[in-house]
Amino acid sequence: MDSADVRRIALSLPETVEKVAWEMPTFRVAGKMFLTIPDDETSFAVRCPRHEREELMAAEPAKFWVPPHEAGSAWVRVRLAELEDIDELRDILVDSWKQAAPTRLVDAFPRTD
């Protein structure tokens, strides 16, 4: 998997748009950012409540991490090389999208669980 897969899945989510900010691709729904792809494109950043982020990093530190300058944010980075498969990538992106999307979009989004 690579950043092209991240971009393809993100743009398949309802009302998602790509916008360059801070010299990197960002993805937004209803004007709210839910995904960034940093310069080296080996990882991506998604929304994640801090309490969940700490649990993810403790459980899978090779996969989930936060750079020092983002420690105070509600975001987590995910290393592409550590993902199990495309379904895991999609699940992570959909979860972040749902945190940013308006209720009308989330309610209309097909459930997969």
PDB file of N, CA and C in Angstrom:
ATOM      1  N   MET A   1       0.836  -1.180   0.000  1.00  0.00           N
ATOM      2  CA  MET A   1       0.000   0.000   0.000  1.00  0.00           C
ATOM      3  C   MET A   1       0.879   1.241   0.000  1.00  0.00           C
ATOM      4  N   ASP A   2       0.354   2.284  -0.617  1.00  0.00           N
ATOM      5  CA  ASP A   2       1.110   3.522  -0.673  1.00  0.00           C
ATOM      6  C   ASP A   2       0.168   4.722  -0.573  1.00  0.00           C
ATOM      7  N   SER A   3       0.728   5.907  -0.715  1.00  0.00           N
ATOM      8  CA  SER A   3      -0.073   7.124  -0.567  1.00  0.00           C
ATOM      9  C   SER A   3      -1.155   7.233  -1.639  1.00  0.00           C
ATOM     10  N   ALA A   4      -0.966   6.589  -2.787  1.00  0.00           N
ATOM     11  CA  ALA A   4      -2.008   6.590  -3.818  1.00  0.00           C
ATOM     12  C   ALA A   4      -3.247   5.840  -3.326  1.00  0.00           C
ATOM     13  N   ASP A   5      -3.048   4.772  -2.567  1.00  0.00           N
ATOM     14  CA  ASP A   5      -4.174   4.046  -1.986  1.00  0.00           C
ATOM     15  C   ASP A   5      -4.894   4.912  -0.953  1.00  0.00           C
ATOM     16  N   VAL A   6      -4.120   5.621  -0.141  1.00  0.00           N
ATOM     17  CA  VAL A   6      -4.709   6.522   0.860  1.00  0.00           C
ATOM     18  C   VAL A   6      -5.572   7.563   0.154  1.00  0.00           C
ATOM     19  N   ARG A   7      -5.018   8.189  -0.858  1.00  0.00           N
ATOM     20  CA  ARG A   7      -5.730   9.235  -1.617  1.00  0.00           C
ATOM     21  C   ARG A   7      -6.998   8.664  -2.265  1.00  0.00           C
ATOM     22  N   ARG A   8      -6.884   7.527  -2.906  1.00  0.00           N
ATOM     23  CA  ARG A   8      -8.027   6.916  -3.601  1.00  0.00           C
ATOM     24  C   ARG A   8      -9.174   6.626  -2.633  1.00  0.00           C
ATOM     25  N   ILE A   9      -8.858   6.032  -1.494  1.00  0.00           N
ATOM     26  CA  ILE A   9      -9.899   5.705  -0.517  1.00  0.00           C
ATOM     27  C   ILE A   9     -10.493   6.983   0.072  1.00  0.00           C
ATOM     28  N   ALA A  10      -9.643   7.922   0.423  1.00  0.00           N
ATOM     29  CA  ALA A  10     -10.143   9.170   1.005  1.00  0.00           C
ATOM     30  C   ALA A  10     -11.100   9.872   0.057  1.00  0.00           C
ATOM     31  N   LEU A  11     -10.725   9.973  -1.197  1.00  0.00           N
ATOM     32  CA  LEU A  11     -11.564  10.684  -2.162  1.00  0.00           C
ATOM     33  C   LEU A  11     -12.838   9.914  -2.517  1.00  0.00           C
ATOM     34  N   SER A  12     -12.907   8.645  -2.161  1.00  0.00           N
ATOM     35  CA  SER A  12     -14.130   7.871  -2.389  1.00  0.00           C
ATOM     36  C   SER A  12     -15.177   8.137  -1.305  1.00  0.00           C
ATOM     37  N   LEU A  13     -14.768   8.753  -0.209  1.00  0.00           N
ATOM     38  CA  LEU A  13     -15.705   9.035   0.881  1.00  0.00           C
ATOM     39  C   LEU A  13     -16.561  10.249   0.530  1.00  0.00           C
ATOM     40  N   PRO A  14     -17.838  10.231   0.883  1.00  0.00           N
ATOM     41  CA  PRO A  14     -18.758  11.297   0.484  1.00  0.00           C
ATOM     42  C   PRO A  14     -18.263  12.705   0.815  1.00  0.00           C
ATOM     43  N   GLU A  15     -18.379  13.561  -0.184  1.00  0.00           N
ATOM     44  CA  GLU A  15     -18.085  14.993  -0.074  1.00  0.00           C
ATOM     45  C   GLU A  15     -16.661  15.319   0.373  1.00  0.00           C
ATOM     46  N   THR A  16     -15.745  14.406   0.140  1.00  0.00           N
ATOM     47  CA  THR A  16     -14.340  14.657   0.481  1.00  0.00           C
ATOM     48  C   THR A  16     -13.673  15.442  -0.632  1.00  0.00           C
ATOM     49  N   VAL A  17     -12.869  16.424  -0.223  1.00  0.00           N
ATOM     50  CA  VAL A  17     -12.081  17.205  -1.172  1.00  0.00           C
ATOM     51  C   VAL A  17     -10.628  17.202  -0.713  1.00  0.00           C
ATOM     52  N   GLU A  18      -9.741  17.291  -1.683  1.00  0.00           N
ATOM     53  CA  GLU A  18      -8.309  17.376  -1.393  1.00  0.00           C
ATOM     54  C   GLU A  18      -7.879  18.830  -1.519  1.00  0.00           C
ATOM     55  N   LYS A  19      -7.077  19.276  -0.570  1.00  0.00           N
ATOM     56  CA  LYS A  19      -6.578  20.647  -0.580  1.00  0.00           C
ATOM     57  C   LYS A  19      -5.151  20.640  -0.048  1.00  0.00           C
ATOM     58  N   VAL A  20      -4.262  21.325  -0.733  1.00  0.00           N
ATOM     59  CA  VAL A  20      -2.886  21.432  -0.249  1.00  0.00           C
ATOM     60  C   VAL A  20      -2.836  22.480   0.862  1.00  0.00           C
ATOM     61  N   ALA A  21      -2.254  22.089   1.971  1.00  0.00           N
ATOM     62  CA  ALA A  21      -2.034  22.988   3.104  1.00  0.00           C
ATOM     63  C   ALA A  21      -0.713  22.579   3.745  1.00  0.00           C
ATOM     64  N   TRP A  22       0.028  23.536   4.234  1.00  0.00           N
ATOM     65  CA  TRP A  22       1.346  23.268   4.811  1.00  0.00           C
ATOM     66  C   TRP A  22       2.219  22.470   3.849  1.00  0.00           C
ATOM     67  N   GLU A  23       2.038  22.718   2.561  1.00  0.00           N
ATOM     68  CA  GLU A  23       2.807  22.075   1.490  1.00  0.00           C
ATOM     69  C   GLU A  23       2.621  20.562   1.438  1.00  0.00           C
ATOM     70  N   MET A  24       1.449  20.078   1.876  1.00  0.00           N
ATOM     71  CA  MET A  24       1.151  18.649   1.785  1.00  0.00           C
ATOM     72  C   MET A  24      -0.330  18.465   1.478  1.00  0.00           C
ATOM     73  N   PRO A  25      -0.697  17.311   0.930  1.00  0.00           N
ATOM     74  CA  PRO A  25      -2.114  17.038   0.674  1.00  0.00           C
ATOM     75  C   PRO A  25      -2.874  16.879   1.989  1.00  0.00           C
ATOM     76  N   THR A  26      -4.026  17.528   2.061  1.00  0.00           N
ATOM     77  CA  THR A  26      -4.941  17.330   3.175  1.00  0.00           C
ATOM     78  C   THR A  26      -6.297  16.985   2.584  1.00  0.00           C
ATOM     79  N   PHE A  27      -7.102  16.293   3.353  1.00  0.00           N
ATOM     80  CA  PHE A  27      -8.410  15.862   2.889  1.00  0.00           C
ATOM     81  C   PHE A  27      -9.441  16.327   3.901  1.00  0.00           C
ATOM     82  N   ARG A  28     -10.543  16.885   3.367  1.00  0.00           N
ATOM     83  CA  ARG A  28     -11.551  17.513   4.210  1.00  0.00           C
ATOM     84  C   ARG A  28     -12.948  17.081   3.805  1.00  0.00           C
ATOM     85  N   VAL A  29     -13.826  17.117   4.779  1.00  0.00           N
ATOM     86  CA  VAL A  29     -15.246  16.906   4.550  1.00  0.00           C
ATOM     87  C   VAL A  29     -15.962  18.046   5.263  1.00  0.00           C
ATOM     88  N   ALA A  30     -16.837  18.719   4.539  1.00  0.00           N
ATOM     89  CA  ALA A  30     -17.571  19.869   5.084  1.00  0.00           C
ATOM     90  C   ALA A  30     -16.609  20.898   5.689  1.00  0.00           C
ATOM     91  N   GLY A  31     -15.454  21.047   5.061  1.00  0.00           N
ATOM     92  CA  GLY A  31     -14.481  22.028   5.509  1.00  0.00           C
ATOM     93  C   GLY A  31     -13.606  21.592   6.668  1.00  0.00           C
ATOM     94  N   LYS A  32     -13.844  20.405   7.221  1.00  0.00           N
ATOM     95  CA  LYS A  32     -13.062  19.910   8.353  1.00  0.00           C
ATOM     96  C   LYS A  32     -12.046  18.875   7.878  1.00  0.00           C
ATOM     97  N   MET A  33     -10.818  19.090   8.265  1.00  0.00           N
ATOM     98  CA  MET A  33      -9.751  18.187   7.862  1.00  0.00           C
ATOM     99  C   MET A  33      -9.839  16.880   8.648  1.00  0.00           C
ATOM    100  N   PHE A  34      -9.649  15.760   7.932  1.00  0.00           N
ATOM    101  CA  PHE A  34      -9.635  14.456   8.605  1.00  0.00           C
ATOM    102  C   PHE A  34      -8.415  13.618   8.244  1.00  0.00           C
ATOM    103  N   LEU A  35      -7.578  14.104   7.320  1.00  0.00           N
ATOM    104  CA  LEU A  35      -6.441  13.314   6.862  1.00  0.00           C
ATOM    105  C   LEU A  35      -5.379  14.222   6.271  1.00  0.00           C
ATOM    106  N   THR A  36      -4.121  13.928   6.573  1.00  0.00           N
ATOM    107  CA  THR A  36      -2.997  14.579   5.896  1.00  0.00           C
ATOM    108  C   THR A  36      -2.003  13.497   5.478  1.00  0.00           C
ATOM    109  N   ILE A  37      -1.281  13.804   4.415  1.00  0.00           N
ATOM    110  CA  ILE A  37      -0.212  12.906   3.968  1.00  0.00           C
ATOM    111  C   ILE A  37       1.081  13.718   3.983  1.00  0.00           C
ATOM    112  N   PRO A  38       1.909  13.534   5.020  1.00  0.00           N
ATOM    113  CA  PRO A  38       3.164  14.281   5.127  1.00  0.00           C
ATOM    114  C   PRO A  38       4.127  14.000   3.971  1.00  0.00           C
ATOM    115  N   ASP A  39       5.161  14.820   3.896  1.00  0.00           N
ATOM    116  CA  ASP A  39       6.103  14.854   2.784  1.00  0.00           C
ATOM    117  C   ASP A  39       6.631  13.507   2.305  1.00  0.00           C
ATOM    118  N   ASP A  40       7.087  12.667   3.206  1.00  0.00           N
ATOM    119  CA  ASP A  40       7.747  11.433   2.754  1.00  0.00           C
ATOM    120  C   ASP A  40       6.748  10.362   2.298  1.00  0.00           C
ATOM    121  N   GLU A  41       5.478  10.561   2.563  1.00  0.00           N
ATOM    122  CA  GLU A  41       4.396   9.679   2.109  1.00  0.00           C
ATOM    123  C   GLU A  41       4.528   8.237   2.602  1.00  0.00           C
ATOM    124  N   THR A  42       5.266   8.014   3.683  1.00  0.00           N
ATOM    125  CA  THR A  42       5.361   6.674   4.257  1.00  0.00           C
ATOM    126  C   THR A  42       4.356   6.498   5.395  1.00  0.00           C
ATOM    127  N   SER A  43       3.718   7.600   5.771  1.00  0.00           N
ATOM    128  CA  SER A  43       2.710   7.559   6.823  1.00  0.00           C
ATOM    129  C   SER A  43       1.627   8.573   6.474  1.00  0.00           C
ATOM    130  N   PHE A  44       0.572   8.563   7.269  1.00  0.00           N
ATOM    131  CA  PHE A  44      -0.467   9.564   7.126  1.00  0.00           C
ATOM    132  C   PHE A  44      -0.975   9.891   8.520  1.00  0.00           C
ATOM    133  N   ALA A  45      -1.658  11.018   8.650  1.00  0.00           N
ATOM    134  CA  ALA A  45      -2.181  11.442   9.940  1.00  0.00           C
ATOM    135  C   ALA A  45      -3.699  11.516   9.863  1.00  0.00           C
ATOM    136  N   VAL A  46      -4.357  11.027  10.916  1.00  0.00           N
ATOM    137  CA  VAL A  46      -5.809  11.027  10.996  1.00  0.00           C
ATOM    138  C   VAL A  46      -6.262  11.537  12.356  1.00  0.00           C
ATOM    139  N   ARG A  47      -7.519  11.962  12.402  1.00  0.00           N
ATOM    140  CA  ARG A  47      -8.120  12.366  13.669  1.00  0.00           C
ATOM    141  C   ARG A  47      -8.195  11.147  14.589  1.00  0.00           C
ATOM    142  N   CYS A  48      -7.954  11.398  15.868  1.00  0.00           N
ATOM    143  CA  CYS A  48      -8.030  10.316  16.846  1.00  0.00           C
ATOM    144  C   CYS A  48      -8.136  10.937  18.232  1.00  0.00           C
ATOM    145  N   PRO A  49      -9.210  10.660  18.966  1.00  0.00           N
ATOM    146  CA  PRO A  49      -9.301  11.186  20.330  1.00  0.00           C
ATOM    147  C   PRO A  49      -8.071  10.786  21.135  1.00  0.00           C
ATOM    148  N   ARG A  50      -7.585  11.686  21.963  1.00  0.00           N
ATOM    149  CA  ARG A  50      -6.324  11.441  22.678  1.00  0.00           C
ATOM    150  C   ARG A  50      -6.320  10.159  23.490  1.00  0.00           C
ATOM    151  N   HIS A  51      -7.418   9.848  24.190  1.00  0.00           N
ATOM    152  CA  HIS A  51      -7.427   8.623  25.003  1.00  0.00           C
ATOM    153  C   HIS A  51      -7.297   7.381  24.126  1.00  0.00           C
ATOM    154  N   GLU A  52      -7.901   7.406  22.950  1.00  0.00           N
ATOM    155  CA  GLU A  52      -7.762   6.272  22.023  1.00  0.00           C
ATOM    156  C   GLU A  52      -6.360   6.234  21.424  1.00  0.00           C
ATOM    157  N   ARG A  53      -5.828   7.407  21.149  1.00  0.00           N
ATOM    158  CA  ARG A  53      -4.490   7.491  20.560  1.00  0.00           C
ATOM    159  C   ARG A  53      -3.459   6.845  21.472  1.00  0.00           C
ATOM    160  N   GLU A  54      -3.548   7.133  22.754  1.00  0.00           N
ATOM    161  CA  GLU A  54      -2.592   6.558  23.708  1.00  0.00           C
ATOM    162  C   GLU A  54      -2.699   5.033  23.729  1.00  0.00           C
ATOM    163  N   GLU A  55      -3.932   4.528  23.669  1.00  0.00           N
ATOM    164  CA  GLU A  55      -4.139   3.079  23.652  1.00  0.00           C
ATOM    165  C   GLU A  55      -3.555   2.458  22.381  1.00  0.00           C
ATOM    166  N   LEU A  56      -3.786   3.103  21.236  1.00  0.00           N
ATOM    167  CA  LEU A  56      -3.258   2.593  19.967  1.00  0.00           C
ATOM    168  C   LEU A  56      -1.733   2.549  19.980  1.00  0.00           C
ATOM    169  N   MET A  57      -1.115   3.633  20.438  1.00  0.00           N
ATOM    170  CA  MET A  57       0.357   3.688  20.450  1.00  0.00           C
ATOM    171  C   MET A  57       0.936   2.662  21.414  1.00  0.00           C
ATOM    172  N   ALA A  58       0.270   2.431  22.538  1.00  0.00           N
ATOM    173  CA  ALA A  58       0.755   1.435  23.495  1.00  0.00           C
ATOM    174  C   ALA A  58       0.621   0.023  22.932  1.00  0.00           C
ATOM    175  N   ALA A  59      -0.488  -0.236  22.234  1.00  0.00           N
ATOM    176  CA  ALA A  59      -0.739  -1.576  21.704  1.00  0.00           C
ATOM    177  C   ALA A  59       0.099  -1.895  20.466  1.00  0.00           C
ATOM    178  N   GLU A  60       0.283  -0.884  19.593  1.00  0.00           N
ATOM    179  CA  GLU A  60       1.001  -1.115  18.334  1.00  0.00           C
ATOM    180  C   GLU A  60       1.937   0.063  18.028  1.00  0.00           C
ATOM    181  N   PRO A  61       3.026   0.193  18.783  1.00  0.00           N
ATOM    182  CA  PRO A  61       3.911   1.348  18.617  1.00  0.00           C
ATOM    183  C   PRO A  61       4.615   1.421  17.264  1.00  0.00           C
ATOM    184  N   ALA A  62       4.767   0.326  16.588  1.00  0.00           N
ATOM    185  CA  ALA A  62       5.393   0.357  15.261  1.00  0.00           C
ATOM    186  C   ALA A  62       4.439   0.938  14.221  1.00  0.00           C
ATOM    187  N   LYS A  63       3.136   0.821  14.481  1.00  0.00           N
ATOM    188  CA  LYS A  63       2.126   1.276  13.538  1.00  0.00           C
ATOM    189  C   LYS A  63       1.674   2.709  13.810  1.00  0.00           C
ATOM    190  N   PHE A  64       1.413   3.037  15.068  1.00  0.00           N
ATOM    191  CA  PHE A  64       0.852   4.330  15.442  1.00  0.00           C
ATOM    192  C   PHE A  64       1.868   5.157  16.217  1.00  0.00           C
ATOM    193  N   TRP A  65       1.982   6.426  15.883  1.00  0.00           N
ATOM    194  CA  TRP A  65       2.933   7.308  16.556  1.00  0.00           C
ATOM    195  C   TRP A  65       2.493   8.756  16.414  1.00  0.00           C
ATOM    196  N   VAL A  66       3.085   9.597  17.241  1.00  0.00           N
ATOM    197  CA  VAL A  66       2.800  11.033  17.206  1.00  0.00           C
ATOM    198  C   VAL A  66       4.136  11.764  17.291  1.00  0.00           C
ATOM    199  N   PRO A  67       4.431  12.615  16.313  1.00  0.00           N
ATOM    200  CA  PRO A  67       5.655  13.402  16.407  1.00  0.00           C
ATOM    201  C   PRO A  67       5.518  14.429  17.538  1.00  0.00           C
ATOM    202  N   PRO A  68       6.626  14.827  18.129  1.00  0.00           N
ATOM    203  CA  PRO A  68       6.568  15.751  19.271  1.00  0.00           C
ATOM    204  C   PRO A  68       5.751  17.027  19.012  1.00  0.00           C
ATOM    205  N   HIS A  69       5.841  17.579  17.811  1.00  0.00           N
ATOM    206  CA  HIS A  69       5.128  18.834  17.552  1.00  0.00           C
ATOM    207  C   HIS A  69       3.608  18.647  17.439  1.00  0.00           C
ATOM    208  N   GLU A  70       3.127  17.397  17.401  1.00  0.00           N
ATOM    209  CA  GLU A  70       1.695  17.123  17.343  1.00  0.00           C
ATOM    210  C   GLU A  70       1.170  16.497  18.634  1.00  0.00           C
ATOM    211  N   ALA A  71       1.993  16.471  19.670  1.00  0.00           N
ATOM    212  CA  ALA A  71       1.618  15.792  20.914  1.00  0.00           C
ATOM    213  C   ALA A  71       0.355  16.374  21.546  1.00  0.00           C
ATOM    214  N   GLY A  72       0.109  17.647  21.393  1.00  0.00           N
ATOM    215  CA  GLY A  72      -1.060  18.267  21.994  1.00  0.00           C
ATOM    216  C   GLY A  72      -2.308  18.180  21.149  1.00  0.00           C
ATOM    217  N   SER A  73      -2.216  17.555  19.996  1.00  0.00           N
ATOM    218  CA  SER A  73      -3.357  17.489  19.077  1.00  0.00           C
ATOM    219  C   SER A  73      -4.166  16.216  19.293  1.00  0.00           C
ATOM    220  N   ALA A  74      -5.282  16.124  18.614  1.00  0.00           N
ATOM    221  CA  ALA A  74      -6.115  14.915  18.636  1.00  0.00           C
ATOM    222  C   ALA A  74      -5.930  14.170  17.312  1.00  0.00           C
ATOM    223  N   TRP A  75      -4.683  13.972  16.937  1.00  0.00           N
ATOM    224  CA  TRP A  75      -4.317  13.284  15.700  1.00  0.00           C
ATOM    225  C   TRP A  75      -3.295  12.210  16.017  1.00  0.00           C
ATOM    226  N   VAL A  76      -3.232  11.201  15.145  1.00  0.00           N
ATOM    227  CA  VAL A  76      -2.223  10.158  15.258  1.00  0.00           C
ATOM    228  C   VAL A  76      -1.702   9.875  13.849  1.00  0.00           C
ATOM    229  N   ARG A  77      -0.454   9.502  13.766  1.00  0.00           N
ATOM    230  CA  ARG A  77       0.118   9.097  12.480  1.00  0.00           C
ATOM    231  C   ARG A  77       0.118   7.576  12.394  1.00  0.00           C
ATOM    232  N   VAL A  78       0.006   7.107  11.150  1.00  0.00           N
ATOM    233  CA  VAL A  78      -0.053   5.676  10.890  1.00  0.00           C
ATOM    234  C   VAL A  78       0.989   5.345   9.827  1.00  0.00           C
ATOM    235  N   ARG A  79       1.858   4.384  10.120  1.00  0.00           N
ATOM    236  CA  ARG A  79       2.864   3.959   9.158  1.00  0.00           C
ATOM    237  C   ARG A  79       2.232   2.982   8.165  1.00  0.00           C
ATOM    238  N   LEU A  80       2.293   3.341   6.889  1.00  0.00           N
ATOM    239  CA  LEU A  80       1.694   2.511   5.844  1.00  0.00           C
ATOM    240  C   LEU A  80       2.264   1.096   5.825  1.00  0.00           C
ATOM    241  N   ALA A  81       3.548   0.963   6.004  1.00  0.00           N
ATOM    242  CA  ALA A  81       4.201  -0.347   5.927  1.00  0.00           C
ATOM    243  C   ALA A  81       3.732  -1.298   7.028  1.00  0.00           C
ATOM    244  N   GLU A  82       3.167  -0.773   8.090  1.00  0.00           N
ATOM    245  CA  GLU A  82       2.737  -1.602   9.217  1.00  0.00           C
ATOM    246  C   GLU A  82       1.281  -2.054   9.125  1.00  0.00           C
ATOM    247  N   LEU A  83       0.532  -1.535   8.158  1.00  0.00           N
ATOM    248  CA  LEU A  83      -0.868  -1.920   8.029  1.00  0.00           C
ATOM    249  C   LEU A  83      -0.999  -3.357   7.541  1.00  0.00           C
ATOM    250  N   GLU A  84      -2.016  -4.050   8.046  1.00  0.00           N
ATOM    251  CA  GLU A  84      -2.232  -5.450   7.671  1.00  0.00           C
ATOM    252  C   GLU A  84      -2.712  -5.600   6.240  1.00  0.00           C
ATOM    253  N   ASP A  85      -3.679  -4.755   5.844  1.00  0.00           N
ATOM    254  CA  ASP A  85      -4.242  -4.874   4.511  1.00  0.00           C
ATOM    255  C   ASP A  85      -5.038  -3.622   4.157  1.00  0.00           C
ATOM    256  N   ILE A  86      -5.593  -3.602   2.971  1.00  0.00           N
ATOM    257  CA  ILE A  86      -6.333  -2.446   2.481  1.00  0.00           C
ATOM    258  C   ILE A  86      -7.593  -2.207   3.308  1.00  0.00           C
ATOM    259  N   ASP A  87      -8.174  -3.270   3.866  1.00  0.00           N
ATOM    260  CA  ASP A  87      -9.360  -3.109   4.708  1.00  0.00           C
ATOM    261  C   ASP A  87      -9.032  -2.335   5.982  1.00  0.00           C
ATOM    262  N   GLU A  88      -7.878  -2.607   6.563  1.00  0.00           N
ATOM    263  CA  GLU A  88      -7.478  -1.860   7.755  1.00  0.00           C
ATOM    264  C   GLU A  88      -7.270  -0.390   7.403  1.00  0.00           C
ATOM    265  N   LEU A  89      -6.634  -0.130   6.276  1.00  0.00           N
ATOM    266  CA  LEU A  89      -6.449   1.252   5.827  1.00  0.00           C
ATOM    267  C   LEU A  89      -7.797   1.938   5.682  1.00  0.00           C
ATOM    268  N   ARG A  90      -8.724   1.294   5.001  1.00  0.00           N
ATOM    269  CA  ARG A  90     -10.056   1.876   4.803  1.00  0.00           C
ATOM    270  C   ARG A  90     -10.753   2.135   6.143  1.00  0.00           C
ATOM    271  N   ASP A  91     -10.683   1.187   7.066  1.00  0.00           N
ATOM    272  CA  ASP A  91     -11.321   1.357   8.374  1.00  0.00           C
ATOM    273  C   ASP A  91     -10.776   2.582   9.116  1.00  0.00           C
ATOM    274  N   ILE A  92      -9.472   2.766   9.066  1.00  0.00           N
ATOM    275  CA  ILE A  92      -8.846   3.907   9.740  1.00  0.00           C
ATOM    276  C   ILE A  92      -9.300   5.211   9.094  1.00  0.00           C
ATOM    277  N   LEU A  93      -9.315   5.248   7.774  1.00  0.00           N
ATOM    278  CA  LEU A  93      -9.718   6.473   7.080  1.00  0.00           C
ATOM    279  C   LEU A  93     -11.190   6.784   7.302  1.00  0.00           C
ATOM    280  N   VAL A  94     -12.044   5.773   7.257  1.00  0.00           N
ATOM    281  CA  VAL A  94     -13.474   5.987   7.484  1.00  0.00           C
ATOM    282  C   VAL A  94     -13.714   6.484   8.901  1.00  0.00           C
ATOM    283  N   ASP A  95     -13.021   5.931   9.875  1.00  0.00           N
ATOM    284  CA  ASP A  95     -13.180   6.367  11.261  1.00  0.00           C
ATOM    285  C   ASP A  95     -12.825   7.849  11.404  1.00  0.00           C
ATOM    286  N   SER A  96     -11.738   8.264  10.798  1.00  0.00           N
ATOM    287  CA  SER A  96     -11.339   9.673  10.868  1.00  0.00           C
ATOM    288  C   SER A  96     -12.345  10.555  10.137  1.00  0.00           C
ATOM    289  N   TRP A  97     -12.805  10.100   8.964  1.00  0.00           N
ATOM    290  CA  TRP A  97     -13.801  10.847   8.195  1.00  0.00           C
ATOM    291  C   TRP A  97     -15.073  11.054   9.016  1.00  0.00           C
ATOM    292  N   LYS A  98     -15.517  10.007   9.702  1.00  0.00           N
ATOM    293  CA  LYS A  98     -16.733  10.101  10.519  1.00  0.00           C
ATOM    294  C   LYS A  98     -16.585  11.114  11.656  1.00  0.00           C
ATOM    295  N   GLN A  99     -15.378  11.290  12.162  1.00  0.00           N
ATOM    296  CA  GLN A  99     -15.160  12.267  13.229  1.00  0.00           C
ATOM    297  C   GLN A  99     -15.294  13.707  12.720  1.00  0.00           C
ATOM    298  N   ALA A 100     -15.076  13.911  11.428  1.00  0.00           N
ATOM    299  CA  ALA A 100     -15.141  15.249  10.851  1.00  0.00           C
ATOM    300  C   ALA A 100     -16.438  15.517  10.094  1.00  0.00           C
ATOM    301  N   ALA A 101     -17.062  14.478   9.584  1.00  0.00           N
ATOM    302  CA  ALA A 101     -18.237  14.639   8.720  1.00  0.00           C
ATOM    303  C   ALA A 101     -19.463  15.096   9.505  1.00  0.00           C
ATOM    304  N   PRO A 102     -20.327  15.851   8.825  1.00  0.00           N
ATOM    305  CA  PRO A 102     -21.589  16.226   9.473  1.00  0.00           C
ATOM    306  C   PRO A 102     -22.466  14.989   9.718  1.00  0.00           C
ATOM    307  N   THR A 103     -23.331  15.088  10.689  1.00  0.00           N
ATOM    308  CA  THR A 103     -24.205  13.977  11.074  1.00  0.00           C
ATOM    309  C   THR A 103     -24.983  13.435   9.886  1.00  0.00           C
ATOM    310  N   ARG A 104     -25.471  14.296   9.005  1.00  0.00           N
ATOM    311  CA  ARG A 104     -26.274  13.842   7.860  1.00  0.00           C
ATOM    312  C   ARG A 104     -25.470  12.893   6.980  1.00  0.00           C
ATOM    313  N   LEU A 105     -24.171  13.125   6.822  1.00  0.00           N
ATOM    314  CA  LEU A 105     -23.339  12.223   6.015  1.00  0.00           C
ATOM    315  C   LEU A 105     -23.038  10.929   6.760  1.00  0.00           C
ATOM    316  N   VAL A 106     -22.726  11.045   8.031  1.00  0.00           N
ATOM    317  CA  VAL A 106     -22.423   9.847   8.822  1.00  0.00           C
ATOM    318  C   VAL A 106     -23.642   8.944   8.885  1.00  0.00           C
ATOM    319  N   ASP A 107     -24.831   9.539   9.103  1.00  0.00           N
ATOM    320  CA  ASP A 107     -26.053   8.738   9.175  1.00  0.00           C
ATOM    321  C   ASP A 107     -26.359   8.035   7.860  1.00  0.00           C
ATOM    322  N   ALA A 108     -25.987   8.649   6.745  1.00  0.00           N
ATOM    323  CA  ALA A 108     -26.260   8.056   5.433  1.00  0.00           C
ATOM    324  C   ALA A 108     -25.176   7.090   4.981  1.00  0.00           C
ATOM    325  N   PHE A 109     -24.063   7.053   5.685  1.00  0.00           N
ATOM    326  CA  PHE A 109     -22.927   6.202   5.296  1.00  0.00           C
ATOM    327  C   PHE A 109     -23.259   4.741   5.600  1.00  0.00           C
ATOM    328  N   PRO A 110     -23.005   3.858   4.640  1.00  0.00           N
ATOM    329  CA  PRO A 110     -23.325   2.433   4.887  1.00  0.00           C
ATOM    330  C   PRO A 110     -22.478   1.853   6.013  1.00  0.00           C
ATOM    331  N   ARG A 111     -23.123   1.166   6.911  1.00  0.00           N
ATOM    332  CA  ARG A 111     -22.418   0.512   8.017  1.00  0.00           C
ATOM    333  C   ARG A 111     -21.757  -0.752   7.507  1.00  0.00           C
ATOM    334  N   THR A 112     -20.588  -1.040   8.060  1.00  0.00           N
ATOM    335  CA  THR A 112     -19.869  -2.259   7.659  1.00  0.00           C
ATOM    336  C   THR A 112     -19.683  -3.223   8.814  1.00  0.00           C
ATOM    337  N   ASP A 113     -20.217  -2.867   9.985  1.00  0.00           N
ATOM    338  CA  ASP A 113     -20.035  -3.753  11.142  1.00  0.00           C
ATOM    339  C   ASP A 113     -21.275  -4.523  11.488  1.00  0.00           C
TER     340      ASP A 113
END
